[in-house]
């Protein structure tokens, strides 16, 4: 039974398939049956460029536990990057106060 759990978000960045890198247009996050991993239901991440041929995607299938660990790692990395940008490099905002360089 399909879950119909799907989230789509715009994306800026690059993805790699084989030896080729391609620019991203969006990401798709879903929870459904695994298509390739020998698992049951999985979180799938698809990094896509809709302007290119249908094969312009990089896909990942993760267990729910691995996806949670990835989310936690992303949260930590994002918090550290935001600190780097605001506190170390003086870019962006801090608590609603705009810093001028």
C-alpha atoms as a PDB file:
ATOM      1  CA  UNK A   1       0.000   0.000   0.000  1.00  0.00           C
ATOM      2  CA  UNK A   2       1.413   3.380  -0.990  1.00  0.00           C
ATOM      3  CA  UNK A   3       1.645   6.011   1.724  1.00  0.00           C
ATOM      4  CA  UNK A   4       1.190   9.126  -0.435  1.00  0.00           C
ATOM      5  CA  UNK A   5       3.671  10.913   1.863  1.00  0.00           C
ATOM      6  CA  UNK A   6       5.609  13.336  -0.331  1.00  0.00           C
ATOM      7  CA  UNK A   7       7.242  16.740   0.090  1.00  0.00           C
ATOM      8  CA  UNK A   8       8.730  18.802  -2.754  1.00  0.00           C
ATOM      9  CA  UNK A   9      11.062  21.749  -2.272  1.00  0.00           C
ATOM     10  CA  UNK A  10      12.994  23.986  -4.669  1.00  0.00           C
ATOM     11  CA  UNK A  11      16.734  23.340  -4.658  1.00  0.00           C
ATOM     12  CA  UNK A  12      19.881  25.211  -5.585  1.00  0.00           C
ATOM     13  CA  UNK A  13      23.014  23.141  -5.834  1.00  0.00           C
ATOM     14  CA  UNK A  14      24.538  20.292  -7.803  1.00  0.00           C
ATOM     15  CA  UNK A  15      24.084  16.507  -7.850  1.00  0.00           C
ATOM     16  CA  UNK A  16      26.255  13.798  -9.342  1.00  0.00           C
ATOM     17  CA  UNK A  17      25.301  10.739 -11.356  1.00  0.00           C
ATOM     18  CA  UNK A  18      28.096   8.621 -12.710  1.00  0.00           C
ATOM     19  CA  UNK A  19      30.910  10.972 -13.718  1.00  0.00           C
ATOM     20  CA  UNK A  20      28.584  13.911 -14.456  1.00  0.00           C
ATOM     21  CA  UNK A  21      27.458  16.770 -12.212  1.00  0.00           C
ATOM     22  CA  UNK A  22      24.200  18.574 -12.983  1.00  0.00           C
ATOM     23  CA  UNK A  23      22.427  21.592 -11.440  1.00  0.00           C
ATOM     24  CA  UNK A  24      19.373  20.955  -9.267  1.00  0.00           C
ATOM     25  CA  UNK A  25      15.907  22.406  -9.671  1.00  0.00           C
ATOM     26  CA  UNK A  26      14.150  20.674  -6.780  1.00  0.00           C
ATOM     27  CA  UNK A  27      14.189  17.872  -4.238  1.00  0.00           C
ATOM     28  CA  UNK A  28      11.542  15.284  -3.487  1.00  0.00           C
ATOM     29  CA  UNK A  29      11.299  13.620  -0.079  1.00  0.00           C
ATOM     30  CA  UNK A  30       8.891  10.712   0.233  1.00  0.00           C
ATOM     31  CA  UNK A  31       8.049   7.725   2.408  1.00  0.00           C
ATOM     32  CA  UNK A  32       7.128   4.664   0.374  1.00  0.00           C
ATOM     33  CA  UNK A  33       8.148   1.139  -0.598  1.00  0.00           C
ATOM     34  CA  UNK A  34      11.832   0.727  -1.385  1.00  0.00           C
ATOM     35  CA  UNK A  35      12.469   0.337  -5.112  1.00  0.00           C
ATOM     36  CA  UNK A  36      16.109  -0.724  -4.923  1.00  0.00           C
ATOM     37  CA  UNK A  37      17.192  -1.215  -1.294  1.00  0.00           C
ATOM     38  CA  UNK A  38      16.328  -4.636   0.169  1.00  0.00           C
ATOM     39  CA  UNK A  39      14.124  -2.927   2.776  1.00  0.00           C
ATOM     40  CA  UNK A  40      10.434  -2.325   3.422  1.00  0.00           C
ATOM     41  CA  UNK A  41       9.218   1.245   3.466  1.00  0.00           C
ATOM     42  CA  UNK A  42      11.951   3.880   3.244  1.00  0.00           C
ATOM     43  CA  UNK A  43      12.506   7.606   3.144  1.00  0.00           C
ATOM     44  CA  UNK A  44      13.525   8.462  -0.406  1.00  0.00           C
ATOM     45  CA  UNK A  45      15.452  11.555  -1.374  1.00  0.00           C
ATOM     46  CA  UNK A  46      15.488  12.533  -5.034  1.00  0.00           C
ATOM     47  CA  UNK A  47      17.636  15.407  -6.226  1.00  0.00           C
ATOM     48  CA  UNK A  48      16.285  16.452  -9.624  1.00  0.00           C
ATOM     49  CA  UNK A  49      16.665  18.878 -12.506  1.00  0.00           C
ATOM     50  CA  UNK A  50      13.255  19.003 -14.204  1.00  0.00           C
ATOM     51  CA  UNK A  51      14.681  20.881 -17.206  1.00  0.00           C
ATOM     52  CA  UNK A  52      16.974  17.973 -18.127  1.00  0.00           C
ATOM     53  CA  UNK A  53      16.173  14.451 -19.314  1.00  0.00           C
ATOM     54  CA  UNK A  54      14.307  12.151 -16.882  1.00  0.00           C
ATOM     55  CA  UNK A  55      17.584  10.507 -15.804  1.00  0.00           C
ATOM     56  CA  UNK A  56      18.841  13.811 -14.352  1.00  0.00           C
ATOM     57  CA  UNK A  57      18.323  12.679 -10.775  1.00  0.00           C
ATOM     58  CA  UNK A  58      20.282  11.330  -7.878  1.00  0.00           C
ATOM     59  CA  UNK A  59      18.199   9.117  -5.630  1.00  0.00           C
ATOM     60  CA  UNK A  60      18.724   7.733  -2.139  1.00  0.00           C
ATOM     61  CA  UNK A  61      16.673   5.240  -0.123  1.00  0.00           C
ATOM     62  CA  UNK A  62      17.144   5.342   3.669  1.00  0.00           C
ATOM     63  CA  UNK A  63      15.649   3.526   6.609  1.00  0.00           C
ATOM     64  CA  UNK A  64      13.528   5.756   8.820  1.00  0.00           C
ATOM     65  CA  UNK A  65      16.195   5.559  11.573  1.00  0.00           C
ATOM     66  CA  UNK A  66      18.976   6.556   9.147  1.00  0.00           C
ATOM     67  CA  UNK A  67      16.828   9.460   7.893  1.00  0.00           C
ATOM     68  CA  UNK A  68      16.381  10.646  11.501  1.00  0.00           C
ATOM     69  CA  UNK A  69      20.147  10.485  12.065  1.00  0.00           C
ATOM     70  CA  UNK A  70      20.717  12.389   8.821  1.00  0.00           C
ATOM     71  CA  UNK A  71      18.189  15.040   9.891  1.00  0.00           C
ATOM     72  CA  UNK A  72      19.995  15.467  13.222  1.00  0.00           C
ATOM     73  CA  UNK A  73      23.363  15.738  11.449  1.00  0.00           C
ATOM     74  CA  UNK A  74      21.913  18.319   9.036  1.00  0.00           C
ATOM     75  CA  UNK A  75      20.478  20.317  11.954  1.00  0.00           C
ATOM     76  CA  UNK A  76      23.901  20.372  13.651  1.00  0.00           C
ATOM     77  CA  UNK A  77      25.733  21.313  10.454  1.00  0.00           C
ATOM     78  CA  UNK A  78      23.199  24.050   9.609  1.00  0.00           C
ATOM     79  CA  UNK A  79      23.433  25.523  13.124  1.00  0.00           C
ATOM     80  CA  UNK A  80      27.241  25.548  12.895  1.00  0.00           C
ATOM     81  CA  UNK A  81      27.134  27.089   9.396  1.00  0.00           C
ATOM     82  CA  UNK A  82      24.704  29.797  10.541  1.00  0.00           C
ATOM     83  CA  UNK A  83      27.004  30.590  13.482  1.00  0.00           C
ATOM     84  CA  UNK A  84      29.965  30.736  11.081  1.00  0.00           C
ATOM     85  CA  UNK A  85      28.108  33.106   8.753  1.00  0.00           C
ATOM     86  CA  UNK A  86      26.767  35.456  11.441  1.00  0.00           C
ATOM     87  CA  UNK A  87      29.371  35.367  14.210  1.00  0.00           C
ATOM     88  CA  UNK A  88      32.609  34.642  12.364  1.00  0.00           C
ATOM     89  CA  UNK A  89      32.032  36.214   8.960  1.00  0.00           C
ATOM     90  CA  UNK A  90      29.593  38.910  10.111  1.00  0.00           C
ATOM     91  CA  UNK A  91      26.969  38.109   7.468  1.00  0.00           C
ATOM     92  CA  UNK A  92      23.220  37.806   7.898  1.00  0.00           C
ATOM     93  CA  UNK A  93      21.176  38.612  10.967  1.00  0.00           C
ATOM     94  CA  UNK A  94      21.425  37.926  14.661  1.00  0.00           C
ATOM     95  CA  UNK A  95      18.197  37.962  16.637  1.00  0.00           C
ATOM     96  CA  UNK A  96      16.481  40.204  14.100  1.00  0.00           C
ATOM     97  CA  UNK A  97      19.345  42.739  14.086  1.00  0.00           C
ATOM     98  CA  UNK A  98      20.916  43.244  10.678  1.00  0.00           C
ATOM     99  CA  UNK A  99      24.693  43.403  10.816  1.00  0.00           C
ATOM    100  CA  UNK A 100      26.380  45.771   8.416  1.00  0.00           C
ATOM    101  CA  UNK A 101      29.914  44.926   7.365  1.00  0.00           C
END
